[in-house]
Amino acid sequence: MGIGGVLEPVQAAPVIIEDNAFIGSRCIIVEGVHVEKEAVLGANVVLTQSTKIIDVTGDKPVEMKGVVPSRSVVIPGSMPKEFPAGIFNVPCALIIGKRKASTDVKTSLNDVLRDFQVAV
């Protein structure tokens, strides 16, 4: 996992990860991204201020940048983008649902390891 801090420039925003968020393995969160409480980021999610975060749970996709809403379950995705040389897929993040009891069970191993101070 990589979480980027802020050294330069002075006006840059810090990365904020709120309470009880679950950050999966090999995630990268940089450039002032805000992960709200109890959000779940699946393995390999990469978030920057310019990464599109697309909520695909409704009838139409809803695009946002820089903020993962609370209790959102996020996985890596890709979307087509047109360049002068052609159309290529670029990374994005997909909100595929909201955290529920079954998600809490999947992430509870971390809580147990923390409670009993077990290093892995």
Protein backbone atom coordinates (compact mmCIF):
# COMPACT_ATOMS: atom_id res chain seq x y z
CA MET A 1 0.00 0.00 0.00
CA GLY A 2 1.23 3.49 -0.75
CA ILE A 3 -0.22 6.60 0.84
CA GLY A 4 1.31 9.84 -0.38
CA GLY A 5 1.87 12.79 1.92
CA VAL A 6 2.35 16.44 1.12
CA LEU A 7 5.70 18.21 1.13
CA GLU A 8 5.41 20.51 -1.88
CA PRO A 9 3.75 22.73 -2.96
CA VAL A 10 2.54 24.47 0.18
CA GLN A 11 -1.07 24.76 -1.05
CA ALA A 12 -1.34 21.02 -1.77
CA ALA A 13 -3.93 19.05 0.19
CA PRO A 14 -3.02 16.08 2.40
CA VAL A 15 -4.34 12.57 1.86
CA ILE A 16 -7.18 11.94 4.34
CA ILE A 17 -8.32 8.45 5.28
CA GLU A 18 -11.16 8.48 7.79
CA ASP A 19 -11.93 5.98 10.56
CA ASN A 20 -12.60 2.32 9.82
CA ALA A 21 -11.76 2.59 6.13
CA PHE A 22 -10.34 -0.65 4.73
CA ILE A 23 -7.47 -0.23 2.30
CA GLY A 24 -6.70 -3.37 0.29
CA SER A 25 -3.27 -4.59 -0.66
CA ARG A 26 -1.26 -2.66 -3.23
CA CYS A 27 -3.54 0.38 -3.17
CA ILE A 28 -2.01 3.76 -3.92
CA ILE A 29 -3.64 6.92 -2.58
CA VAL A 30 -1.96 10.27 -3.32
CA GLU A 31 -2.43 13.96 -4.18
CA GLY A 32 -4.94 14.94 -1.49
CA VAL A 33 -7.52 12.20 -2.07
CA HIS A 34 -10.11 11.93 0.72
CA VAL A 35 -11.34 8.43 1.65
CA GLU A 36 -14.40 8.86 3.87
CA LYS A 37 -15.30 6.69 6.88
CA GLU A 38 -15.86 2.95 6.46
CA ALA A 39 -15.06 2.98 2.73
CA VAL A 40 -13.56 -0.22 1.34
CA LEU A 41 -10.86 -0.06 -1.35
CA GLY A 42 -10.24 -3.40 -3.04
CA ALA A 43 -6.76 -4.58 -3.97
CA ASN A 44 -4.84 -2.49 -6.52
CA VAL A 45 -7.08 0.60 -6.45
CA VAL A 46 -5.04 3.66 -7.49
CA LEU A 47 -6.45 7.08 -6.60
CA THR A 48 -5.08 10.52 -7.50
CA GLN A 49 -6.88 13.86 -7.77
CA SER A 50 -7.35 13.23 -11.49
CA THR A 51 -8.50 9.59 -11.26
CA LYS A 52 -12.17 9.27 -12.16
CA ILE A 53 -14.18 7.55 -9.44
CA ILE A 54 -17.35 6.25 -11.07
CA ASP A 55 -20.40 5.11 -9.10
CA VAL A 56 -21.92 2.37 -11.24
CA THR A 57 -24.61 1.29 -8.76
CA GLY A 58 -27.44 3.33 -10.29
CA ASP A 59 -29.10 3.55 -13.68
CA LYS A 60 -26.46 5.98 -14.93
CA PRO A 61 -22.80 6.28 -13.96
CA VAL A 62 -21.94 9.18 -11.64
CA GLU A 63 -18.39 10.53 -12.00
CA MET A 64 -16.42 12.22 -9.23
CA LYS A 65 -12.79 12.91 -8.43
CA GLY A 66 -10.76 13.15 -5.24
CA VAL A 67 -13.33 11.80 -2.78
CA VAL A 68 -14.48 8.26 -1.98
CA PRO A 69 -17.90 8.52 -0.27
CA SER A 70 -18.36 6.82 3.09
CA ARG A 71 -19.17 3.09 3.11
CA SER A 72 -18.46 2.81 -0.65
CA VAL A 73 -16.95 -0.42 -1.96
CA VAL A 74 -14.40 0.43 -4.66
CA ILE A 75 -12.55 -1.76 -7.16
CA PRO A 76 -10.08 -0.88 -9.94
CA GLY A 77 -11.47 -0.38 -13.42
CA SER A 78 -10.64 1.19 -16.77
CA MET A 79 -12.42 3.36 -19.28
CA PRO A 80 -11.79 4.27 -22.91
CA LYS A 81 -10.19 7.63 -23.69
CA GLU A 82 -9.47 9.08 -27.10
CA PHE A 83 -5.98 10.29 -27.92
CA PRO A 84 -4.54 11.50 -31.26
CA ALA A 85 -3.04 8.01 -31.74
CA GLY A 86 -6.29 6.19 -31.03
CA ILE A 87 -8.57 5.05 -28.24
CA PHE A 88 -6.95 3.48 -25.18
CA ASN A 89 -8.16 2.38 -21.77
CA VAL A 90 -7.08 4.49 -18.79
CA PRO A 91 -7.40 3.54 -15.12
CA CYS A 92 -10.40 4.57 -13.04
CA ALA A 93 -12.03 3.39 -9.83
CA LEU A 94 -15.52 1.86 -9.74
CA ILE A 95 -17.92 2.15 -6.82
CA ILE A 96 -19.79 -1.14 -7.03
CA GLY A 97 -21.87 -0.94 -3.86
CA LYS A 98 -22.08 0.02 -0.23
CA ARG A 99 -20.44 -1.71 2.70
CA LYS A 100 -22.74 -4.24 4.39
CA ALA A 101 -22.51 -6.84 7.15
CA SER A 102 -20.88 -9.40 4.85
CA THR A 103 -18.18 -6.85 3.96
CA ASP A 104 -17.52 -6.25 7.65
CA VAL A 105 -16.92 -9.99 8.13
CA LYS A 106 -14.39 -10.02 5.27
CA THR A 107 -12.46 -7.09 6.75
CA SER A 108 -12.74 -8.24 10.40
CA LEU A 109 -9.46 -10.22 10.32
CA ASN A 110 -7.59 -6.91 10.44
CA ASP A 111 -9.52 -5.92 13.57
CA VAL A 112 -8.71 -9.22 15.30
CA LEU A 113 -5.01 -8.94 14.46
CA ARG A 114 -4.96 -5.38 15.78
CA ASP A 115 -6.89 -6.24 18.99
CA PHE A 116 -4.50 -9.03 19.84
CA GLN A 117 -1.41 -7.14 18.62
CA VAL A 118 -0.43 -9.87 16.17
CA ALA A 119 2.16 -8.84 13.59
CA VAL A 120 1.89 -10.40 10.14
